[in-house]
Amino acid sequence: MLLAHEKRQLQLSDQTVETLVAAYTWLRDAVWDGLVKPLHAGFLRQRLLRELEGLDDRMLADIGLSRADINTFVGRSYRDL
């Protein structure tokens, strides 16, 4: 939020400040939901995939997976992020 002296210096009305704050909030949320969040989920998905693919078959069996299950498991793990 703009400080009072900044608001006076720019000669902005309360309505203009509220509009700017709403636009900033919308843009921040749109960038987060549309760009940052999907990129982060993609990085996490790739990391999990690499880690699981690096395990031997016995270790995968210990956690209840087979090599054929890895892609399905990773896809389900990050579907709702």
PDB file of N, CA and C in Angstrom:
ATOM      1  N   MET A   1       0.852  -1.172   0.000  1.00  0.00           N
ATOM      2  CA  MET A   1       0.000   0.000   0.000  1.00  0.00           C
ATOM      3  C   MET A   1       0.896   1.232   0.000  1.00  0.00           C
ATOM      4  N   LEU A   2       0.477   2.253  -0.708  1.00  0.00           N
ATOM      5  CA  LEU A   2       1.262   3.479  -0.759  1.00  0.00           C
ATOM      6  C   LEU A   2       1.198   4.207   0.576  1.00  0.00           C
ATOM      7  N   LEU A   3       2.331   4.772   0.942  1.00  0.00           N
ATOM      8  CA  LEU A   3       2.357   5.583   2.147  1.00  0.00           C
ATOM      9  C   LEU A   3       1.651   6.902   1.878  1.00  0.00           C
ATOM     10  N   ALA A   4       1.185   7.542   2.949  1.00  0.00           N
ATOM     11  CA  ALA A   4       0.402   8.775   2.809  1.00  0.00           C
ATOM     12  C   ALA A   4       1.168   9.852   2.046  1.00  0.00           C
ATOM     13  N   HIS A   5       2.452  10.037   2.357  1.00  0.00           N
ATOM     14  CA  HIS A   5       3.208  11.095   1.670  1.00  0.00           C
ATOM     15  C   HIS A   5       3.442  10.758   0.192  1.00  0.00           C
ATOM     16  N   GLU A   6       3.572   9.476  -0.147  1.00  0.00           N
ATOM     17  CA  GLU A   6       3.696   9.085  -1.549  1.00  0.00           C
ATOM     18  C   GLU A   6       2.393   9.346  -2.288  1.00  0.00           C
ATOM     19  N   LYS A   7       1.294   9.070  -1.627  1.00  0.00           N
ATOM     20  CA  LYS A   7      -0.024   9.292  -2.231  1.00  0.00           C
ATOM     21  C   LYS A   7      -0.226  10.781  -2.506  1.00  0.00           C
ATOM     22  N   ARG A   8       0.138  11.614  -1.522  1.00  0.00           N
ATOM     23  CA  ARG A   8       0.009  13.065  -1.710  1.00  0.00           C
ATOM     24  C   ARG A   8       0.926  13.554  -2.813  1.00  0.00           C
ATOM     25  N   GLN A   9       2.150  13.046  -2.851  1.00  0.00           N
ATOM     26  CA  GLN A   9       3.136  13.463  -3.838  1.00  0.00           C
ATOM     27  C   GLN A   9       2.644  13.137  -5.252  1.00  0.00           C
ATOM     28  N   LEU A  10       2.036  11.999  -5.428  1.00  0.00           N
ATOM     29  CA  LEU A  10       1.540  11.592  -6.736  1.00  0.00           C
ATOM     30  C   LEU A  10       0.136  12.132  -7.021  1.00  0.00           C
ATOM     31  N   GLN A  11      -0.485  12.671  -6.028  1.00  0.00           N
ATOM     32  CA  GLN A  11      -1.832  13.236  -6.122  1.00  0.00           C
ATOM     33  C   GLN A  11      -2.830  12.183  -6.624  1.00  0.00           C
ATOM     34  N   LEU A  12      -2.849  11.054  -5.943  1.00  0.00           N
ATOM     35  CA  LEU A  12      -3.748   9.972  -6.305  1.00  0.00           C
ATOM     36  C   LEU A  12      -4.966   9.970  -5.390  1.00  0.00           C
ATOM     37  N   SER A  13      -6.117   9.724  -5.977  1.00  0.00           N
ATOM     38  CA  SER A  13      -7.327   9.623  -5.173  1.00  0.00           C
ATOM     39  C   SER A  13      -7.360   8.244  -4.504  1.00  0.00           C
ATOM     40  N   ASP A  14      -8.205   8.124  -3.487  1.00  0.00           N
ATOM     41  CA  ASP A  14      -8.365   6.844  -2.801  1.00  0.00           C
ATOM     42  C   ASP A  14      -8.825   5.762  -3.776  1.00  0.00           C
ATOM     43  N   GLN A  15      -9.718   6.134  -4.671  1.00  0.00           N
ATOM     44  CA  GLN A  15     -10.241   5.171  -5.641  1.00  0.00           C
ATOM     45  C   GLN A  15      -9.127   4.700  -6.583  1.00  0.00           C
ATOM     46  N   THR A  16      -8.267   5.605  -7.008  1.00  0.00           N
ATOM     47  CA  THR A  16      -7.155   5.241  -7.884  1.00  0.00           C
ATOM     48  C   THR A  16      -6.200   4.296  -7.172  1.00  0.00           C
ATOM     49  N   VAL A  17      -5.908   4.581  -5.916  1.00  0.00           N
ATOM     50  CA  VAL A  17      -5.024   3.717  -5.137  1.00  0.00           C
ATOM     51  C   VAL A  17      -5.646   2.336  -4.983  1.00  0.00           C
ATOM     52  N   GLU A  18      -6.933   2.279  -4.682  1.00  0.00           N
ATOM     53  CA  GLU A  18      -7.609   0.989  -4.547  1.00  0.00           C
ATOM     54  C   GLU A  18      -7.583   0.210  -5.855  1.00  0.00           C
ATOM     55  N   THR A  19      -7.764   0.902  -6.970  1.00  0.00           N
ATOM     56  CA  THR A  19      -7.722   0.263  -8.283  1.00  0.00           C
ATOM     57  C   THR A  19      -6.329  -0.281  -8.574  1.00  0.00           C
ATOM     58  N   LEU A  20      -5.303   0.513  -8.269  1.00  0.00           N
ATOM     59  CA  LEU A  20      -3.928   0.065  -8.479  1.00  0.00           C
ATOM     60  C   LEU A  20      -3.583  -1.142  -7.614  1.00  0.00           C
ATOM     61  N   VAL A  21      -4.021  -1.119  -6.368  1.00  0.00           N
ATOM     62  CA  VAL A  21      -3.766  -2.246  -5.468  1.00  0.00           C
ATOM     63  C   VAL A  21      -4.489  -3.494  -5.978  1.00  0.00           C
ATOM     64  N   ALA A  22      -5.729  -3.354  -6.414  1.00  0.00           N
ATOM     65  CA  ALA A  22      -6.485  -4.494  -6.942  1.00  0.00           C
ATOM     66  C   ALA A  22      -5.818  -5.046  -8.203  1.00  0.00           C
ATOM     67  N   ALA A  23      -5.347  -4.156  -9.088  1.00  0.00           N
ATOM     68  CA  ALA A  23      -4.676  -4.597 -10.312  1.00  0.00           C
ATOM     69  C   ALA A  23      -3.380  -5.319  -9.989  1.00  0.00           C
ATOM     70  N   TYR A  24      -2.616  -4.789  -9.041  1.00  0.00           N
ATOM     71  CA  TYR A  24      -1.376  -5.429  -8.624  1.00  0.00           C
ATOM     72  C   TYR A  24      -1.660  -6.817  -8.043  1.00  0.00           C
ATOM     73  N   THR A  25      -2.660  -6.912  -7.194  1.00  0.00           N
ATOM     74  CA  THR A  25      -3.007  -8.186  -6.567  1.00  0.00           C
ATOM     75  C   THR A  25      -3.433  -9.196  -7.616  1.00  0.00           C
ATOM     76  N   TRP A  26      -4.252  -8.769  -8.561  1.00  0.00           N
ATOM     77  CA  TRP A  26      -4.698  -9.660  -9.623  1.00  0.00           C
ATOM     78  C   TRP A  26      -3.515 -10.136 -10.456  1.00  0.00           C
ATOM     79  N   LEU A  27      -2.638  -9.217 -10.834  1.00  0.00           N
ATOM     80  CA  LEU A  27      -1.483  -9.578 -11.658  1.00  0.00           C
ATOM     81  C   LEU A  27      -0.549 -10.526 -10.918  1.00  0.00           C
ATOM     82  N   ARG A  28      -0.294 -10.238  -9.633  1.00  0.00           N
ATOM     83  CA  ARG A  28       0.564 -11.102  -8.827  1.00  0.00           C
ATOM     84  C   ARG A  28      -0.004 -12.516  -8.760  1.00  0.00           C
ATOM     85  N   ASP A  29      -1.305 -12.624  -8.494  1.00  0.00           N
ATOM     86  CA  ASP A  29      -1.948 -13.936  -8.402  1.00  0.00           C
ATOM     87  C   ASP A  29      -1.964 -14.650  -9.754  1.00  0.00           C
ATOM     88  N   ALA A  30      -2.190 -13.897 -10.828  1.00  0.00           N
ATOM     89  CA  ALA A  30      -2.218 -14.497 -12.164  1.00  0.00           C
ATOM     90  C   ALA A  30      -0.847 -15.034 -12.541  1.00  0.00           C
ATOM     91  N   VAL A  31       0.193 -14.279 -12.238  1.00  0.00           N
ATOM     92  CA  VAL A  31       1.552 -14.733 -12.538  1.00  0.00           C
ATOM     93  C   VAL A  31       1.890 -15.948 -11.686  1.00  0.00           C
ATOM     94  N   TRP A  32       1.521 -15.911 -10.412  1.00  0.00           N
ATOM     95  CA  TRP A  32       1.810 -17.047  -9.533  1.00  0.00           C
ATOM     96  C   TRP A  32       1.088 -18.307 -10.018  1.00  0.00           C
ATOM     97  N   ASP A  33      -0.220 -18.196 -10.230  1.00  0.00           N
ATOM     98  CA  ASP A  33      -1.015 -19.367 -10.606  1.00  0.00           C
ATOM     99  C   ASP A  33      -0.738 -19.833 -12.037  1.00  0.00           C
ATOM    100  N   GLY A  34      -0.452 -18.884 -12.923  1.00  0.00           N
ATOM    101  CA  GLY A  34      -0.290 -19.234 -14.332  1.00  0.00           C
ATOM    102  C   GLY A  34       1.123 -19.570 -14.748  1.00  0.00           C
ATOM    103  N   LEU A  35       2.124 -19.128 -13.979  1.00  0.00           N
ATOM    104  CA  LEU A  35       3.501 -19.324 -14.403  1.00  0.00           C
ATOM    105  C   LEU A  35       4.366 -19.973 -13.332  1.00  0.00           C
ATOM    106  N   VAL A  36       4.444 -19.355 -12.180  1.00  0.00           N
ATOM    107  CA  VAL A  36       5.361 -19.819 -11.144  1.00  0.00           C
ATOM    108  C   VAL A  36       4.940 -21.182 -10.594  1.00  0.00           C
ATOM    109  N   LYS A  37       3.680 -21.307 -10.242  1.00  0.00           N
ATOM    110  CA  LYS A  37       3.206 -22.565  -9.648  1.00  0.00           C
ATOM    111  C   LYS A  37       3.375 -23.755 -10.592  1.00  0.00           C
ATOM    112  N   PRO A  38       2.972 -23.648 -11.878  1.00  0.00           N
ATOM    113  CA  PRO A  38       3.189 -24.771 -12.789  1.00  0.00           C
ATOM    114  C   PRO A  38       4.672 -25.092 -13.024  1.00  0.00           C
ATOM    115  N   LEU A  39       5.512 -24.056 -13.112  1.00  0.00           N
ATOM    116  CA  LEU A  39       6.943 -24.305 -13.278  1.00  0.00           C
ATOM    117  C   LEU A  39       7.521 -25.034 -12.073  1.00  0.00           C
ATOM    118  N   HIS A  40       7.137 -24.596 -10.885  1.00  0.00           N
ATOM    119  CA  HIS A  40       7.617 -25.230  -9.662  1.00  0.00           C
ATOM    120  C   HIS A  40       7.160 -26.684  -9.599  1.00  0.00           C
ATOM    121  N   ALA A  41       5.906 -26.934  -9.932  1.00  0.00           N
ATOM    122  CA  ALA A  41       5.396 -28.311  -9.934  1.00  0.00           C
ATOM    123  C   ALA A  41       6.156 -29.158 -10.949  1.00  0.00           C
ATOM    124  N   GLY A  42       6.484 -28.577 -12.097  1.00  0.00           N
ATOM    125  CA  GLY A  42       7.250 -29.303 -13.106  1.00  0.00           C
ATOM    126  C   GLY A  42       8.639 -29.674 -12.614  1.00  0.00           C
ATOM    127  N   PHE A  43       9.298 -28.734 -11.933  1.00  0.00           N
ATOM    128  CA  PHE A  43      10.623 -29.030 -11.371  1.00  0.00           C
ATOM    129  C   PHE A  43      10.534 -30.133 -10.320  1.00  0.00           C
ATOM    130  N   LEU A  44       9.519 -30.060  -9.464  1.00  0.00           N
ATOM    131  CA  LEU A  44       9.353 -31.093  -8.450  1.00  0.00           C
ATOM    132  C   LEU A  44       9.072 -32.451  -9.073  1.00  0.00           C
ATOM    133  N   ARG A  45       8.240 -32.449 -10.110  1.00  0.00           N
ATOM    134  CA  ARG A  45       7.895 -33.688 -10.808  1.00  0.00           C
ATOM    135  C   ARG A  45       9.147 -34.312 -11.430  1.00  0.00           C
ATOM    136  N   GLN A  46       9.964 -33.496 -12.088  1.00  0.00           N
ATOM    137  CA  GLN A  46      11.192 -33.999 -12.709  1.00  0.00           C
ATOM    138  C   GLN A  46      12.166 -34.531 -11.667  1.00  0.00           C
ATOM    139  N   ARG A  47      12.250 -33.837 -10.535  1.00  0.00           N
ATOM    140  CA  ARG A  47      13.150 -34.281  -9.470  1.00  0.00           C
ATOM    141  C   ARG A  47      12.713 -35.645  -8.930  1.00  0.00           C
ATOM    142  N   LEU A  48      11.417 -35.805  -8.664  1.00  0.00           N
ATOM    143  CA  LEU A  48      10.908 -37.077  -8.168  1.00  0.00           C
ATOM    144  C   LEU A  48      11.127 -38.185  -9.190  1.00  0.00           C
ATOM    145  N   LEU A  49      10.882 -37.881 -10.453  1.00  0.00           N
ATOM    146  CA  LEU A  49      11.080 -38.858 -11.516  1.00  0.00           C
ATOM    147  C   LEU A  49      12.539 -39.315 -11.565  1.00  0.00           C
ATOM    148  N   ARG A  50      13.474 -38.380 -11.522  1.00  0.00           N
ATOM    149  CA  ARG A  50      14.902 -38.735 -11.533  1.00  0.00           C
ATOM    150  C   ARG A  50      15.283 -39.586 -10.329  1.00  0.00           C
ATOM    151  N   GLU A  51      14.771 -39.190  -9.160  1.00  0.00           N
ATOM    152  CA  GLU A  51      15.115 -39.935  -7.946  1.00  0.00           C
ATOM    153  C   GLU A  51      14.562 -41.357  -7.984  1.00  0.00           C
ATOM    154  N   LEU A  52      13.317 -41.520  -8.418  1.00  0.00           N
ATOM    155  CA  LEU A  52      12.731 -42.857  -8.493  1.00  0.00           C
ATOM    156  C   LEU A  52      13.410 -43.709  -9.557  1.00  0.00           C
ATOM    157  N   GLU A  53      13.743 -43.088 -10.698  1.00  0.00           N
ATOM    158  CA  GLU A  53      14.425 -43.837 -11.750  1.00  0.00           C
ATOM    159  C   GLU A  53      15.831 -44.257 -11.319  1.00  0.00           C
ATOM    160  N   GLY A  54      16.396 -43.565 -10.346  1.00  0.00           N
ATOM    161  CA  GLY A  54      17.716 -43.901  -9.848  1.00  0.00           C
ATOM    162  C   GLY A  54      17.728 -45.056  -8.850  1.00  0.00           C
ATOM    163  N   LEU A  55      16.561 -45.436  -8.372  1.00  0.00           N
ATOM    164  CA  LEU A  55      16.488 -46.557  -7.424  1.00  0.00           C
ATOM    165  C   LEU A  55      16.568 -47.886  -8.167  1.00  0.00           C
ATOM    166  N   ASP A  56      17.130 -48.896  -7.513  1.00  0.00           N
ATOM    167  CA  ASP A  56      17.130 -50.222  -8.139  1.00  0.00           C
ATOM    168  C   ASP A  56      15.762 -50.880  -7.912  1.00  0.00           C
ATOM    169  N   ASP A  57      15.534 -51.972  -8.608  1.00  0.00           N
ATOM    170  CA  ASP A  57      14.218 -52.638  -8.561  1.00  0.00           C
ATOM    171  C   ASP A  57      13.834 -53.093  -7.159  1.00  0.00           C
ATOM    172  N   ARG A  58      14.794 -53.509  -6.373  1.00  0.00           N
ATOM    173  CA  ARG A  58      14.504 -53.958  -5.007  1.00  0.00           C
ATOM    174  C   ARG A  58      14.028 -52.789  -4.144  1.00  0.00           C
ATOM    175  N   MET A  59      14.691 -51.642  -4.280  1.00  0.00           N
ATOM    176  CA  MET A  59      14.273 -50.469  -3.496  1.00  0.00           C
ATOM    177  C   MET A  59      12.882 -49.999  -3.926  1.00  0.00           C
ATOM    178  N   LEU A  60      12.611 -50.043  -5.229  1.00  0.00           N
ATOM    179  CA  LEU A  60      11.273 -49.679  -5.707  1.00  0.00           C
ATOM    180  C   LEU A  60      10.224 -50.629  -5.134  1.00  0.00           C
ATOM    181  N   ALA A  61      10.534 -51.913  -5.110  1.00  0.00           N
ATOM    182  CA  ALA A  61       9.599 -52.902  -4.552  1.00  0.00           C
ATOM    183  C   ALA A  61       9.356 -52.641  -3.070  1.00  0.00           C
ATOM    184  N   ASP A  62      10.388 -52.187  -2.363  1.00  0.00           N
ATOM    185  CA  ASP A  62      10.236 -51.890  -0.936  1.00  0.00           C
ATOM    186  C   ASP A  62       9.215 -50.777  -0.683  1.00  0.00           C
ATOM    187  N   ILE A  63       9.086 -49.861  -1.629  1.00  0.00           N
ATOM    188  CA  ILE A  63       8.104 -48.773  -1.453  1.00  0.00           C
ATOM    189  C   ILE A  63       6.823 -49.046  -2.238  1.00  0.00           C
ATOM    190  N   GLY A  64       6.701 -50.265  -2.762  1.00  0.00           N
ATOM    191  CA  GLY A  64       5.456 -50.672  -3.412  1.00  0.00           C
ATOM    192  C   GLY A  64       5.326 -50.254  -4.858  1.00  0.00           C
ATOM    193  N   LEU A  65       6.447 -50.007  -5.531  1.00  0.00           N
ATOM    194  CA  LEU A  65       6.409 -49.603  -6.935  1.00  0.00           C
ATOM    195  C   LEU A  65       7.235 -50.547  -7.787  1.00  0.00           C
ATOM    196  N   SER A  66       6.879 -50.606  -9.051  1.00  0.00           N
ATOM    197  CA  SER A  66       7.737 -51.265 -10.036  1.00  0.00           C
ATOM    198  C   SER A  66       8.220 -50.166 -10.984  1.00  0.00           C
ATOM    199  N   ARG A  67       9.192 -50.491 -11.804  1.00  0.00           N
ATOM    200  CA  ARG A  67       9.718 -49.501 -12.740  1.00  0.00           C
ATOM    201  C   ARG A  67       8.613 -48.992 -13.673  1.00  0.00           C
ATOM    202  N   ALA A  68       7.683 -49.860 -14.023  1.00  0.00           N
ATOM    203  CA  ALA A  68       6.577 -49.473 -14.911  1.00  0.00           C
ATOM    204  C   ALA A  68       5.594 -48.516 -14.233  1.00  0.00           C
ATOM    205  N   ASP A  69       5.587 -48.462 -12.908  1.00  0.00           N
ATOM    206  CA  ASP A  69       4.651 -47.605 -12.168  1.00  0.00           C
ATOM    207  C   ASP A  69       5.153 -46.171 -11.976  1.00  0.00           C
ATOM    208  N   ILE A  70       6.419 -45.927 -12.241  1.00  0.00           N
ATOM    209  CA  ILE A  70       7.028 -44.642 -11.880  1.00  0.00           C
ATOM    210  C   ILE A  70       6.300 -43.464 -12.529  1.00  0.00           C
ATOM    211  N   ASN A  71       6.108 -43.492 -13.842  1.00  0.00           N
ATOM    212  CA  ASN A  71       5.473 -42.341 -14.517  1.00  0.00           C
ATOM    213  C   ASN A  71       4.055 -42.091 -14.017  1.00  0.00           C
ATOM    214  N   THR A  72       3.299 -43.158 -13.807  1.00  0.00           N
ATOM    215  CA  THR A  72       1.934 -43.008 -13.298  1.00  0.00           C
ATOM    216  C   THR A  72       1.945 -42.420 -11.897  1.00  0.00           C
ATOM    217  N   PHE A  73       2.825 -42.925 -11.047  1.00  0.00           N
ATOM    218  CA  PHE A  73       2.926 -42.434  -9.676  1.00  0.00           C
ATOM    219  C   PHE A  73       3.302 -40.954  -9.642  1.00  0.00           C
ATOM    220  N   VAL A  74       4.293 -40.575 -10.429  1.00  0.00           N
ATOM    221  CA  VAL A  74       4.732 -39.180 -10.449  1.00  0.00           C
ATOM    222  C   VAL A  74       3.620 -38.282 -10.993  1.00  0.00           C
ATOM    223  N   GLY A  75       2.934 -38.715 -12.037  1.00  0.00           N
ATOM    224  CA  GLY A  75       1.838 -37.923 -12.596  1.00  0.00           C
ATOM    225  C   GLY A  75       0.714 -37.698 -11.606  1.00  0.00           C
ATOM    226  N   ARG A  76       0.364 -38.740 -10.864  1.00  0.00           N
ATOM    227  CA  ARG A  76      -0.705 -38.614  -9.859  1.00  0.00           C
ATOM    228  C   ARG A  76      -0.269 -37.762  -8.679  1.00  0.00           C
ATOM    229  N   SER A  77       0.992 -37.826  -8.333  1.00  0.00           N
ATOM    230  CA  SER A  77       1.492 -37.092  -7.167  1.00  0.00           C
ATOM    231  C   SER A  77       1.403 -35.583  -7.358  1.00  0.00           C
ATOM    232  N   TYR A  78       1.535 -35.117  -8.590  1.00  0.00           N
ATOM    233  CA  TYR A  78       1.560 -33.675  -8.849  1.00  0.00           C
ATOM    234  C   TYR A  78       0.396 -33.177  -9.688  1.00  0.00           C
ATOM    235  N   ARG A  79      -0.626 -33.995  -9.862  1.00  0.00           N
ATOM    236  CA  ARG A  79      -1.764 -33.608 -10.694  1.00  0.00           C
ATOM    237  C   ARG A  79      -2.494 -32.385 -10.117  1.00  0.00           C
ATOM    238  N   ASP A  80      -2.633 -32.285  -8.809  1.00  0.00           N
ATOM    239  CA  ASP A  80      -3.441 -31.219  -8.214  1.00  0.00           C
ATOM    240  C   ASP A  80      -2.640 -30.021  -7.741  1.00  0.00           C
ATOM    241  N   LEU A  81      -1.347 -29.971  -8.052  1.00  0.00           N
ATOM    242  CA  LEU A  81      -0.544 -28.816  -7.634  1.00  0.00           C
ATOM    243  C   LEU A  81      -0.825 -27.622  -8.492  1.00  0.00           C
TER     244      LEU A  81
END
